[in-house]
Amino acid sequence: MTQAILEGKKARAICSPNPQIGYVLVKDGKVIARGIKLLEAVGAKMEVGIMKESVQDNLTPYLSSD
């Protein structure tokens, strides 16, 4: 979760005042993806999309929203 929070902080300067989301995707205990998603660009339901896709791909998502 700490890694997801740190990813989200990377977006602070480019998306303020809109919230940003940091995420880390884990499979079998290994990080396979990490990044940021800007809510302004993808809409407020982005978290739901990440969760659904993660479950379908048997991944564990860690998301932070600021």
PDB file of N, CA and C in Angstrom:
ATOM      1  N   MET A   1       0.823  -1.188   0.000  1.00  0.00           N
ATOM      2  CA  MET A   1       0.000   0.000   0.000  1.00  0.00           C
ATOM      3  C   MET A   1       0.866   1.251   0.000  1.00  0.00           C
ATOM      4  N   THR A   2       1.965   1.190   0.716  1.00  0.00           N
ATOM      5  CA  THR A   2       2.878   2.334   0.742  1.00  0.00           C
ATOM      6  C   THR A   2       3.360   2.678  -0.661  1.00  0.00           C
ATOM      7  N   GLN A   3       3.638   1.676  -1.463  1.00  0.00           N
ATOM      8  CA  GLN A   3       4.085   1.922  -2.832  1.00  0.00           C
ATOM      9  C   GLN A   3       2.994   2.610  -3.648  1.00  0.00           C
ATOM     10  N   ALA A   4       1.735   2.233  -3.452  1.00  0.00           N
ATOM     11  CA  ALA A   4       0.627   2.874  -4.165  1.00  0.00           C
ATOM     12  C   ALA A   4       0.493   4.344  -3.759  1.00  0.00           C
ATOM     13  N   ILE A   5       0.677   4.630  -2.497  1.00  0.00           N
ATOM     14  CA  ILE A   5       0.618   6.014  -2.019  1.00  0.00           C
ATOM     15  C   ILE A   5       1.744   6.834  -2.642  1.00  0.00           C
ATOM     16  N   LEU A   6       2.939   6.276  -2.684  1.00  0.00           N
ATOM     17  CA  LEU A   6       4.070   6.980  -3.290  1.00  0.00           C
ATOM     18  C   LEU A   6       3.840   7.229  -4.782  1.00  0.00           C
ATOM     19  N   GLU A   7       3.236   6.278  -5.476  1.00  0.00           N
ATOM     20  CA  GLU A   7       2.917   6.469  -6.891  1.00  0.00           C
ATOM     21  C   GLU A   7       1.941   7.636  -7.054  1.00  0.00           C
ATOM     22  N   GLY A   8       0.928   7.689  -6.203  1.00  0.00           N
ATOM     23  CA  GLY A   8      -0.061   8.759  -6.278  1.00  0.00           C
ATOM     24  C   GLY A   8       0.551  10.131  -6.051  1.00  0.00           C
ATOM     25  N   LYS A   9       1.515  10.217  -5.151  1.00  0.00           N
ATOM     26  CA  LYS A   9       2.172  11.498  -4.877  1.00  0.00           C
ATOM     27  C   LYS A   9       2.918  12.030  -6.093  1.00  0.00           C
ATOM     28  N   LYS A  10       3.334  11.168  -6.991  1.00  0.00           N
ATOM     29  CA  LYS A  10       4.035  11.600  -8.203  1.00  0.00           C
ATOM     30  C   LYS A  10       3.146  12.473  -9.087  1.00  0.00           C
ATOM     31  N   ALA A  11       1.850  12.279  -9.006  1.00  0.00           N
ATOM     32  CA  ALA A  11       0.915  12.999  -9.870  1.00  0.00           C
ATOM     33  C   ALA A  11       0.454  14.327  -9.282  1.00  0.00           C
ATOM     34  N   ARG A  12       0.801  14.603  -8.070  1.00  0.00           N
ATOM     35  CA  ARG A  12       0.275  15.775  -7.368  1.00  0.00           C
ATOM     36  C   ARG A  12       0.479  17.071  -8.151  1.00  0.00           C
ATOM     37  N   ALA A  13       1.653  17.285  -8.695  1.00  0.00           N
ATOM     38  CA  ALA A  13       1.955  18.548  -9.383  1.00  0.00           C
ATOM     39  C   ALA A  13       1.220  18.680 -10.723  1.00  0.00           C
ATOM     40  N   ILE A  14       0.900  17.561 -11.374  1.00  0.00           N
ATOM     41  CA  ILE A  14       0.317  17.654 -12.712  1.00  0.00           C
ATOM     42  C   ILE A  14      -1.210  17.587 -12.727  1.00  0.00           C
ATOM     43  N   CYS A  15      -1.838  17.252 -11.616  1.00  0.00           N
ATOM     44  CA  CYS A  15      -3.289  17.130 -11.657  1.00  0.00           C
ATOM     45  C   CYS A  15      -4.016  17.992 -10.636  1.00  0.00           C
ATOM     46  N   SER A  16      -3.296  18.731  -9.847  1.00  0.00           N
ATOM     47  CA  SER A  16      -3.926  19.586  -8.853  1.00  0.00           C
ATOM     48  C   SER A  16      -4.857  20.583  -9.542  1.00  0.00           C
ATOM     49  N   PRO A  17      -6.053  20.821  -9.068  1.00  0.00           N
ATOM     50  CA  PRO A  17      -6.622  20.426  -7.787  1.00  0.00           C
ATOM     51  C   PRO A  17      -7.397  19.105  -7.849  1.00  0.00           C
ATOM     52  N   ASN A  18      -7.400  18.432  -8.992  1.00  0.00           N
ATOM     53  CA  ASN A  18      -8.113  17.161  -9.108  1.00  0.00           C
ATOM     54  C   ASN A  18      -7.357  16.056  -8.378  1.00  0.00           C
ATOM     55  N   PRO A  19      -8.085  15.075  -7.840  1.00  0.00           N
ATOM     56  CA  PRO A  19      -7.411  13.967  -7.157  1.00  0.00           C
ATOM     57  C   PRO A  19      -6.662  13.063  -8.135  1.00  0.00           C
ATOM     58  N   GLN A  20      -5.677  12.403  -7.631  1.00  0.00           N
ATOM     59  CA  GLN A  20      -4.919  11.445  -8.429  1.00  0.00           C
ATOM     60  C   GLN A  20      -4.964  10.087  -7.743  1.00  0.00           C
ATOM     61  N   ILE A  21      -4.702   9.050  -8.525  1.00  0.00           N
ATOM     62  CA  ILE A  21      -4.706   7.697  -7.992  1.00  0.00           C
ATOM     63  C   ILE A  21      -3.361   7.053  -8.285  1.00  0.00           C
ATOM     64  N   GLY A  22      -2.772   6.488  -7.251  1.00  0.00           N
ATOM     65  CA  GLY A  22      -1.577   5.680  -7.434  1.00  0.00           C
ATOM     66  C   GLY A  22      -1.990   4.227  -7.318  1.00  0.00           C
ATOM     67  N   TYR A  23      -1.364   3.367  -8.107  1.00  0.00           N
ATOM     68  CA  TYR A  23      -1.724   1.956  -8.014  1.00  0.00           C
ATOM     69  C   TYR A  23      -0.498   1.066  -8.167  1.00  0.00           C
ATOM     70  N   VAL A  24      -0.605  -0.099  -7.574  1.00  0.00           N
ATOM     71  CA  VAL A  24       0.387  -1.162  -7.701  1.00  0.00           C
ATOM     72  C   VAL A  24      -0.401  -2.451  -7.896  1.00  0.00           C
ATOM     73  N   LEU A  25      -0.029  -3.235  -8.896  1.00  0.00           N
ATOM     74  CA  LEU A  25      -0.670  -4.529  -9.136  1.00  0.00           C
ATOM     75  C   LEU A  25       0.319  -5.631  -8.796  1.00  0.00           C
ATOM     76  N   VAL A  26      -0.160  -6.605  -8.027  1.00  0.00           N
ATOM     77  CA  VAL A  26       0.694  -7.677  -7.525  1.00  0.00           C
ATOM     78  C   VAL A  26       0.132  -9.029  -7.953  1.00  0.00           C
ATOM     79  N   LYS A  27       1.022  -9.911  -8.368  1.00  0.00           N
ATOM     80  CA  LYS A  27       0.638 -11.283  -8.696  1.00  0.00           C
ATOM     81  C   LYS A  27       1.664 -12.213  -8.078  1.00  0.00           C
ATOM     82  N   ASP A  28       1.183 -13.190  -7.335  1.00  0.00           N
ATOM     83  CA  ASP A  28       2.046 -14.162  -6.668  1.00  0.00           C
ATOM     84  C   ASP A  28       3.132 -13.487  -5.841  1.00  0.00           C
ATOM     85  N   GLY A  29       2.766 -12.387  -5.172  1.00  0.00           N
ATOM     86  CA  GLY A  29       3.690 -11.694  -4.287  1.00  0.00           C
ATOM     87  C   GLY A  29       4.700 -10.786  -4.973  1.00  0.00           C
ATOM     88  N   LYS A  30       4.589 -10.635  -6.291  1.00  0.00           N
ATOM     89  CA  LYS A  30       5.538  -9.798  -7.028  1.00  0.00           C
ATOM     90  C   LYS A  30       4.804  -8.640  -7.690  1.00  0.00           C
ATOM     91  N   VAL A  31       5.393  -7.446  -7.613  1.00  0.00           N
ATOM     92  CA  VAL A  31       4.823  -6.273  -8.269  1.00  0.00           C
ATOM     93  C   VAL A  31       5.006  -6.439  -9.772  1.00  0.00           C
ATOM     94  N   ILE A  32       3.898  -6.378 -10.512  1.00  0.00           N
ATOM     95  CA  ILE A  32       3.993  -6.522 -11.964  1.00  0.00           C
ATOM     96  C   ILE A  32       3.667  -5.228 -12.700  1.00  0.00           C
ATOM     97  N   ALA A  33       3.058  -4.252 -11.997  1.00  0.00           N
ATOM     98  CA  ALA A  33       2.765  -2.967 -12.614  1.00  0.00           C
ATOM     99  C   ALA A  33       2.571  -1.926 -11.524  1.00  0.00           C
ATOM    100  N   ARG A  34       2.892  -0.696 -11.870  1.00  0.00           N
ATOM    101  CA  ARG A  34       2.680   0.423 -10.958  1.00  0.00           C
ATOM    102  C   ARG A  34       2.514   1.674 -11.788  1.00  0.00           C
ATOM    103  N   GLY A  35       1.810   2.644 -11.238  1.00  0.00           N
ATOM    104  CA  GLY A  35       1.642   3.873 -11.985  1.00  0.00           C
ATOM    105  C   GLY A  35       0.628   4.802 -11.360  1.00  0.00           C
ATOM    106  N   ILE A  36       0.210   5.785 -12.165  1.00  0.00           N
ATOM    107  CA  ILE A  36      -0.771   6.764 -11.724  1.00  0.00           C
ATOM    108  C   ILE A  36      -1.864   6.878 -12.769  1.00  0.00           C
ATOM    109  N   LYS A  37      -3.027   7.233 -12.315  1.00  0.00           N
ATOM    110  CA  LYS A  37      -4.146   7.523 -13.197  1.00  0.00           C
ATOM    111  C   LYS A  37      -4.742   8.838 -12.736  1.00  0.00           C
ATOM    112  N   LEU A  38      -4.961   9.743 -13.655  1.00  0.00           N
ATOM    113  CA  LEU A  38      -5.538  11.037 -13.323  1.00  0.00           C
ATOM    114  C   LEU A  38      -7.046  10.965 -13.493  1.00  0.00           C
ATOM    115  N   LEU A  39      -7.777  11.293 -12.454  1.00  0.00           N
ATOM    116  CA  LEU A  39      -9.236  11.206 -12.504  1.00  0.00           C
ATOM    117  C   LEU A  39      -9.830  12.126 -13.555  1.00  0.00           C
ATOM    118  N   GLU A  40      -9.216  13.273 -13.779  1.00  0.00           N
ATOM    119  CA  GLU A  40      -9.733  14.204 -14.776  1.00  0.00           C
ATOM    120  C   GLU A  40      -9.772  13.541 -16.151  1.00  0.00           C
ATOM    121  N   ALA A  41      -8.796  12.713 -16.456  1.00  0.00           N
ATOM    122  CA  ALA A  41      -8.693  12.102 -17.780  1.00  0.00           C
ATOM    123  C   ALA A  41      -9.576  10.865 -17.935  1.00  0.00           C
ATOM    124  N   VAL A  42      -9.791  10.111 -16.864  1.00  0.00           N
ATOM    125  CA  VAL A  42     -10.464   8.819 -17.013  1.00  0.00           C
ATOM    126  C   VAL A  42     -11.798   8.716 -16.284  1.00  0.00           C
ATOM    127  N   GLY A  43     -12.161   9.700 -15.500  1.00  0.00           N
ATOM    128  CA  GLY A  43     -13.430   9.665 -14.800  1.00  0.00           C
ATOM    129  C   GLY A  43     -13.310   9.075 -13.405  1.00  0.00           C
ATOM    130  N   ALA A  44     -14.281   9.368 -12.581  1.00  0.00           N
ATOM    131  CA  ALA A  44     -14.233   8.993 -11.172  1.00  0.00           C
ATOM    132  C   ALA A  44     -14.413   7.501 -10.934  1.00  0.00           C
ATOM    133  N   LYS A  45     -14.799   6.738 -11.923  1.00  0.00           N
ATOM    134  CA  LYS A  45     -15.027   5.302 -11.745  1.00  0.00           C
ATOM    135  C   LYS A  45     -13.787   4.473 -12.090  1.00  0.00           C
ATOM    136  N   MET A  46     -12.645   5.119 -12.263  1.00  0.00           N
ATOM    137  CA  MET A  46     -11.424   4.425 -12.651  1.00  0.00           C
ATOM    138  C   MET A  46     -11.038   3.344 -11.648  1.00  0.00           C
ATOM    139  N   GLU A  47     -11.240   3.626 -10.362  1.00  0.00           N
ATOM    140  CA  GLU A  47     -10.879   2.641  -9.340  1.00  0.00           C
ATOM    141  C   GLU A  47     -11.645   1.343  -9.536  1.00  0.00           C
ATOM    142  N   VAL A  48     -12.923   1.460  -9.885  1.00  0.00           N
ATOM    143  CA  VAL A  48     -13.765   0.279 -10.105  1.00  0.00           C
ATOM    144  C   VAL A  48     -13.219  -0.533 -11.282  1.00  0.00           C
ATOM    145  N   GLY A  49     -12.822   0.142 -12.345  1.00  0.00           N
ATOM    146  CA  GLY A  49     -12.261  -0.538 -13.508  1.00  0.00           C
ATOM    147  C   GLY A  49     -10.991  -1.303 -13.174  1.00  0.00           C
ATOM    148  N   ILE A  50     -10.108  -0.698 -12.400  1.00  0.00           N
ATOM    149  CA  ILE A  50      -8.874  -1.378 -12.002  1.00  0.00           C
ATOM    150  C   ILE A  50      -9.199  -2.606 -11.166  1.00  0.00           C
ATOM    151  N   MET A  51     -10.148  -2.471 -10.244  1.00  0.00           N
ATOM    152  CA  MET A  51     -10.512  -3.603  -9.383  1.00  0.00           C
ATOM    153  C   MET A  51     -11.081  -4.765 -10.212  1.00  0.00           C
ATOM    154  N   LYS A  52     -12.002  -4.468 -11.129  1.00  0.00           N
ATOM    155  CA  LYS A  52     -12.620  -5.517 -11.940  1.00  0.00           C
ATOM    156  C   LYS A  52     -11.582  -6.221 -12.818  1.00  0.00           C
ATOM    157  N   GLU A  53     -10.735  -5.453 -13.493  1.00  0.00           N
ATOM    158  CA  GLU A  53      -9.719  -6.053 -14.359  1.00  0.00           C
ATOM    159  C   GLU A  53      -8.718  -6.869 -13.555  1.00  0.00           C
ATOM    160  N   SER A  54      -8.378  -6.400 -12.366  1.00  0.00           N
ATOM    161  CA  SER A  54      -7.426  -7.116 -11.521  1.00  0.00           C
ATOM    162  C   SER A  54      -7.970  -8.478 -11.117  1.00  0.00           C
ATOM    163  N   VAL A  55      -9.238  -8.515 -10.728  1.00  0.00           N
ATOM    164  CA  VAL A  55      -9.855  -9.772 -10.319  1.00  0.00           C
ATOM    165  C   VAL A  55      -9.890 -10.744 -11.498  1.00  0.00           C
ATOM    166  N   GLN A  56     -10.227 -10.244 -12.689  1.00  0.00           N
ATOM    167  CA  GLN A  56     -10.285 -11.098 -13.875  1.00  0.00           C
ATOM    168  C   GLN A  56      -8.918 -11.692 -14.197  1.00  0.00           C
ATOM    169  N   ASP A  57      -7.850 -10.916 -13.949  1.00  0.00           N
ATOM    170  CA  ASP A  57      -6.489 -11.373 -14.263  1.00  0.00           C
ATOM    171  C   ASP A  57      -5.794 -12.010 -13.075  1.00  0.00           C
ATOM    172  N   ASN A  58      -6.531 -12.248 -11.983  1.00  0.00           N
ATOM    173  CA  ASN A  58      -5.991 -12.878 -10.792  1.00  0.00           C
ATOM    174  C   ASN A  58      -4.848 -12.062 -10.179  1.00  0.00           C
ATOM    175  N   LEU A  59      -5.042 -10.737 -10.137  1.00  0.00           N
ATOM    176  CA  LEU A  59      -4.052  -9.828  -9.564  1.00  0.00           C
ATOM    177  C   LEU A  59      -4.592  -9.225  -8.265  1.00  0.00           C
ATOM    178  N   THR A  60      -3.696  -8.769  -7.414  1.00  0.00           N
ATOM    179  CA  THR A  60      -4.083  -8.050  -6.216  1.00  0.00           C
ATOM    180  C   THR A  60      -3.779  -6.580  -6.447  1.00  0.00           C
ATOM    181  N   PRO A  61      -4.816  -5.718  -6.456  1.00  0.00           N
ATOM    182  CA  PRO A  61      -4.576  -4.285  -6.654  1.00  0.00           C
ATOM    183  C   PRO A  61      -4.418  -3.551  -5.332  1.00  0.00           C
ATOM    184  N   TYR A  62      -3.526  -2.589  -5.312  1.00  0.00           N
ATOM    185  CA  TYR A  62      -3.391  -1.662  -4.196  1.00  0.00           C
ATOM    186  C   TYR A  62      -3.569  -0.271  -4.796  1.00  0.00           C
ATOM    187  N   LEU A  63      -4.571   0.465  -4.311  1.00  0.00           N
ATOM    188  CA  LEU A  63      -4.909   1.782  -4.856  1.00  0.00           C
ATOM    189  C   LEU A  63      -4.892   2.826  -3.768  1.00  0.00           C
ATOM    190  N   SER A  64      -4.417   4.010  -4.119  1.00  0.00           N
ATOM    191  CA  SER A  64      -4.501   5.140  -3.193  1.00  0.00           C
ATOM    192  C   SER A  64      -5.136   6.290  -3.940  1.00  0.00           C
ATOM    193  N   SER A  65      -5.991   7.025  -3.272  1.00  0.00           N
ATOM    194  CA  SER A  65      -6.643   8.179  -3.874  1.00  0.00           C
ATOM    195  C   SER A  65      -6.440   9.367  -2.961  1.00  0.00           C
ATOM    196  N   ASP A  66      -6.017  10.470  -3.555  1.00  0.00           N
ATOM    197  CA  ASP A  66      -5.772  11.667  -2.754  1.00  0.00           C
ATOM    198  C   ASP A  66      -6.800  12.710  -3.079  1.00  0.00           C
TER     199      ASP A  66
END
